[in-house]
Each structure stands twice: as structure tokens, then as C-alpha cells.
N, C-alpha and C. Protein backbone atom coordinates (compact mmCIF):
# COMPACT_ATOMS: atom_id res chain seq x y z
N MET A 1 -208.08 205.74 -105.08
CA MET A 1 -206.87 205.88 -104.38
C MET A 1 -206.94 204.27 -103.51
N HIS A 2 -205.31 204.32 -103.63
CA HIS A 2 -204.81 202.71 -103.09
C HIS A 2 -204.32 202.96 -101.69
N PHE A 3 -204.71 201.94 -100.75
CA PHE A 3 -204.48 202.01 -99.46
C PHE A 3 -204.00 200.49 -98.93
N GLU A 4 -203.55 200.38 -97.96
CA GLU A 4 -203.52 198.90 -97.34
C GLU A 4 -204.18 198.88 -95.98
N ILE A 5 -205.03 197.82 -95.56
CA ILE A 5 -205.60 197.51 -94.43
C ILE A 5 -204.70 196.92 -93.47
N LEU A 6 -204.57 197.72 -92.24
CA LEU A 6 -203.58 197.41 -91.30
C LEU A 6 -204.63 196.73 -90.46
N GLY A 7 -204.32 195.06 -90.13
CA GLY A 7 -205.05 194.55 -89.02
C GLY A 7 -206.12 194.03 -89.32
N GLU A 8 -207.28 193.87 -88.48
CA GLU A 8 -208.59 193.49 -88.67
C GLU A 8 -209.56 194.56 -88.82
N ILE A 9 -210.64 194.25 -89.73
CA ILE A 9 -211.70 195.10 -89.62
C ILE A 9 -212.72 194.91 -88.55
N GLN A 10 -212.90 196.09 -87.85
CA GLN A 10 -213.48 195.96 -86.72
C GLN A 10 -215.31 196.33 -86.81
N TRP A 11 -216.12 195.70 -86.23
CA TRP A 11 -217.37 195.96 -86.02
C TRP A 11 -217.99 196.02 -87.55
N PRO A 12 -217.65 194.78 -88.13
CA PRO A 12 -218.16 194.70 -89.52
C PRO A 12 -220.07 194.45 -89.32
N GLU A 13 -220.58 194.88 -90.08
CA GLU A 13 -221.97 194.76 -90.45
C GLU A 13 -222.29 194.51 -91.72
N THR A 14 -223.69 194.03 -92.23
CA THR A 14 -223.95 193.98 -93.28
C THR A 14 -225.07 195.05 -93.52
N ILE A 15 -224.97 195.73 -94.75
CA ILE A 15 -225.98 197.23 -94.91
C ILE A 15 -226.87 196.85 -95.95
N ALA A 16 -226.45 195.72 -96.85
CA ALA A 16 -227.39 195.30 -97.83
C ALA A 16 -227.18 193.95 -98.34
N SER A 17 -228.20 193.32 -98.80
CA SER A 17 -228.04 191.76 -99.14
C SER A 17 -228.72 191.52 -100.41
N GLY A 18 -228.47 190.73 -101.16
CA GLY A 18 -229.44 190.01 -102.37
C GLY A 18 -229.74 191.18 -102.94
N ARG A 19 -231.21 191.27 -103.34
CA ARG A 19 -231.54 192.37 -104.45
C ARG A 19 -231.49 193.49 -104.04
N SER A 20 -231.44 193.78 -102.93
CA SER A 20 -231.27 195.36 -102.16
C SER A 20 -230.10 195.97 -102.57
N ILE A 21 -228.92 195.19 -103.22
CA ILE A 21 -227.70 195.71 -103.75
C ILE A 21 -228.06 196.46 -105.18
N TRP A 22 -227.75 197.73 -105.32
CA TRP A 22 -227.83 198.44 -106.39
C TRP A 22 -226.99 197.81 -107.68
N GLU A 23 -225.79 197.29 -107.30
CA GLU A 23 -224.82 196.84 -107.83
C GLU A 23 -224.93 195.45 -108.34
N LEU A 24 -226.09 194.77 -107.93
CA LEU A 24 -225.69 193.37 -108.00
C LEU A 24 -225.55 192.99 -109.55
N ARG A 25 -226.19 193.30 -110.39
CA ARG A 25 -225.95 192.92 -111.87
C ARG A 25 -224.45 192.78 -112.11
N ARG A 26 -224.05 193.98 -112.01
CA ARG A 26 -222.42 194.17 -112.20
C ARG A 26 -221.49 193.44 -111.62
N LEU A 27 -221.94 193.25 -110.26
CA LEU A 27 -220.95 192.10 -109.55
C LEU A 27 -221.05 190.80 -109.91
N ASN A 28 -222.44 190.05 -110.49
CA ASN A 28 -222.34 188.80 -111.00
C ASN A 28 -221.82 188.69 -112.14
N ARG A 29 -221.87 189.79 -113.07
CA ARG A 29 -221.12 189.53 -114.26
C ARG A 29 -219.80 189.75 -114.18
N ILE A 30 -219.04 190.51 -113.25
CA ILE A 30 -217.53 190.63 -113.16
C ILE A 30 -217.22 189.64 -112.43
N TYR A 31 -217.51 189.20 -111.24
CA TYR A 31 -217.00 188.21 -110.39
C TYR A 31 -217.91 186.74 -110.45
N GLY A 32 -219.00 186.72 -110.75
CA GLY A 32 -219.57 185.28 -111.13
C GLY A 32 -220.89 185.48 -109.95
N LYS A 33 -221.66 184.63 -110.37
CA LYS A 33 -223.21 184.75 -109.72
C LYS A 33 -223.04 183.85 -108.32
N THR A 34 -223.28 184.65 -107.40
CA THR A 34 -223.25 184.27 -105.99
C THR A 34 -224.13 184.97 -105.07
N THR A 35 -224.30 184.86 -103.59
CA THR A 35 -224.86 185.67 -102.65
C THR A 35 -224.11 186.84 -102.21
N TRP A 36 -224.31 187.94 -102.49
CA TRP A 36 -223.57 189.09 -102.40
C TRP A 36 -224.34 189.99 -101.35
N ARG A 37 -223.33 190.55 -100.47
CA ARG A 37 -223.49 191.33 -99.23
C ARG A 37 -222.63 192.72 -99.46
N LYS A 38 -223.40 193.78 -98.95
CA LYS A 38 -222.57 194.80 -98.87
C LYS A 38 -222.17 195.21 -97.42
N ARG A 39 -221.07 195.21 -97.18
CA ARG A 39 -220.46 195.39 -95.81
C ARG A 39 -220.03 196.53 -95.33
N LYS A 40 -220.00 196.92 -94.25
CA LYS A 40 -219.27 197.98 -93.73
C LYS A 40 -218.40 197.73 -92.33
N GLY A 41 -217.40 198.52 -91.92
CA GLY A 41 -216.85 198.12 -90.84
C GLY A 41 -215.53 199.30 -90.44
N ILE A 42 -214.88 199.42 -89.54
CA ILE A 42 -213.96 200.47 -89.15
C ILE A 42 -212.48 199.62 -88.98
N ALA A 43 -211.55 200.21 -89.80
CA ALA A 43 -210.37 199.54 -89.69
C ALA A 43 -209.10 200.83 -89.63
N LYS A 44 -207.95 200.42 -89.42
CA LYS A 44 -206.85 201.59 -89.79
C LYS A 44 -206.25 200.96 -90.83
N ILE A 45 -205.72 202.10 -91.96
CA ILE A 45 -205.42 202.01 -92.96
C ILE A 45 -204.10 202.68 -93.08
N ARG A 46 -203.12 202.50 -94.28
CA ARG A 46 -202.07 203.16 -94.81
C ARG A 46 -202.30 203.59 -96.00
N LEU A 47 -202.53 204.61 -96.11
CA LEU A 47 -202.46 205.58 -97.47
C LEU A 47 -201.21 205.57 -98.22
N GLU A 48 -201.37 205.97 -99.55
CA GLU A 48 -200.23 205.98 -100.51
C GLU A 48 -199.17 206.74 -99.81
N ASP A 49 -199.53 208.03 -99.29
CA ASP A 49 -198.14 208.82 -98.92
C ASP A 49 -197.63 208.24 -97.22
N GLY A 50 -198.17 207.20 -96.87
CA GLY A 50 -197.38 206.72 -95.54
C GLY A 50 -198.58 207.05 -94.22
N THR A 51 -199.39 207.65 -94.52
CA THR A 51 -200.16 208.14 -93.28
C THR A 51 -200.92 207.05 -92.88
N VAL A 52 -201.03 206.77 -91.56
CA VAL A 52 -201.97 205.84 -90.87
C VAL A 52 -203.33 206.46 -90.39
N ARG A 53 -204.38 206.10 -90.79
CA ARG A 53 -205.67 207.11 -90.43
C ARG A 53 -206.63 205.86 -89.81
N LEU A 54 -207.65 206.11 -89.26
CA LEU A 54 -208.89 205.25 -88.83
C LEU A 54 -210.08 205.76 -89.69
N GLU A 55 -210.67 204.66 -90.48
CA GLU A 55 -211.66 204.96 -91.38
C GLU A 55 -212.69 204.02 -91.43
N GLU A 56 -213.86 204.42 -92.14
CA GLU A 56 -214.74 203.58 -92.08
C GLU A 56 -214.97 203.14 -93.74
N LEU A 57 -214.90 201.74 -93.99
CA LEU A 57 -214.70 201.04 -95.23
C LEU A 57 -215.93 200.33 -95.56
N GLN A 58 -216.29 200.40 -96.89
CA GLN A 58 -217.33 199.58 -97.65
C GLN A 58 -216.90 198.83 -98.42
N TRP A 59 -217.44 197.50 -98.55
CA TRP A 59 -217.12 196.33 -99.71
C TRP A 59 -218.06 195.63 -99.86
N TYR A 60 -217.97 194.85 -100.78
CA TYR A 60 -218.90 193.90 -101.19
C TYR A 60 -218.22 192.37 -100.69
N GLU A 61 -219.05 191.52 -100.57
CA GLU A 61 -218.47 190.18 -99.91
C GLU A 61 -219.25 189.12 -100.60
N GLY A 62 -218.90 188.08 -101.33
CA GLY A 62 -219.59 187.18 -102.16
C GLY A 62 -219.25 185.77 -101.34
N HIS A 63 -220.35 185.01 -101.28
CA HIS A 63 -220.21 183.49 -100.78
C HIS A 63 -219.16 182.79 -101.72
N GLY A 64 -217.89 182.39 -101.18
CA GLY A 64 -217.08 181.81 -101.73
C GLY A 64 -216.07 182.79 -102.63
N LYS A 65 -216.28 184.17 -102.58
CA LYS A 65 -215.52 184.90 -103.59
C LYS A 65 -214.56 185.86 -102.73
N GLY A 66 -215.12 185.99 -101.58
CA GLY A 66 -214.30 186.95 -100.63
C GLY A 66 -214.76 188.40 -100.61
N ARG A 67 -214.05 189.25 -100.19
CA ARG A 67 -214.10 190.84 -100.23
C ARG A 67 -213.66 191.16 -101.47
N LYS A 68 -214.52 192.16 -102.09
CA LYS A 68 -214.26 192.94 -103.39
C LYS A 68 -214.53 194.13 -103.11
N GLU A 69 -213.77 195.08 -103.96
CA GLU A 69 -213.92 196.33 -104.07
C GLU A 69 -214.11 197.24 -102.84
N THR A 70 -212.84 197.06 -102.03
CA THR A 70 -213.15 197.89 -100.92
C THR A 70 -212.87 199.13 -100.87
N LYS A 71 -213.84 200.31 -100.39
CA LYS A 71 -213.51 201.73 -100.58
C LYS A 71 -213.72 202.21 -99.56
N ILE A 72 -213.03 203.43 -99.19
CA ILE A 72 -212.97 204.46 -98.14
C ILE A 72 -214.13 205.15 -98.03
N LYS A 73 -215.05 205.19 -96.99
CA LYS A 73 -216.36 205.94 -96.96
C LYS A 73 -216.32 207.05 -96.32
N LYS A 74 -215.40 207.02 -95.10
CA LYS A 74 -215.75 208.18 -93.99
C LYS A 74 -214.27 208.35 -93.29
N TYR A 75 -213.78 209.30 -93.17
CA TYR A 75 -212.59 209.52 -92.25
C TYR A 75 -213.07 209.72 -90.99
N LEU A 76 -212.21 208.84 -89.96
CA LEU A 76 -212.77 209.15 -88.53
C LEU A 76 -211.78 209.75 -87.75
N GLU A 77 -210.56 209.87 -88.18
CA GLU A 77 -209.51 210.60 -87.27
C GLU A 77 -208.80 211.72 -88.17
């Protein structure tokens, strides 16, 4: 599902880092070896059909790599 993040992600927090990330090996292979963190936060997004919703998002963030593989985890509204 494709979506666009509107504005800033609110209340970001780290839920896993380093070896506690299950997909660490894949992330290092695809994006390069770095310090990875799995994070979550809340943001307004626009879905493909144009609806705007408040959602909980999760993503991987690598030092010097930025935010990768953002996904919708939970609908809040």
C-alpha cells in the first residue's frame, strides 16, 4: 500500500536496536552495514484513494542512511 506522510511524525520512539532487530542481516545486505534501529511513531497520512488518516507507523532507521521501509502498523482513527 502506497501512502504519503503529511507533516511530522509525532512521538517517535525506538522499539529495537542492534542485534534485537530480526531483519538486521537483510537490512545490512540491502542498504549497507550501519547501526540500525526499528522505530515507531504517529502521523497523519494520505492513502492512495485520497483519504487522510491518523496512523501508527513503523520504520527502520540507519545511521547515515535515513528512514527506510516505512509501514502502517495500526489505524488510530
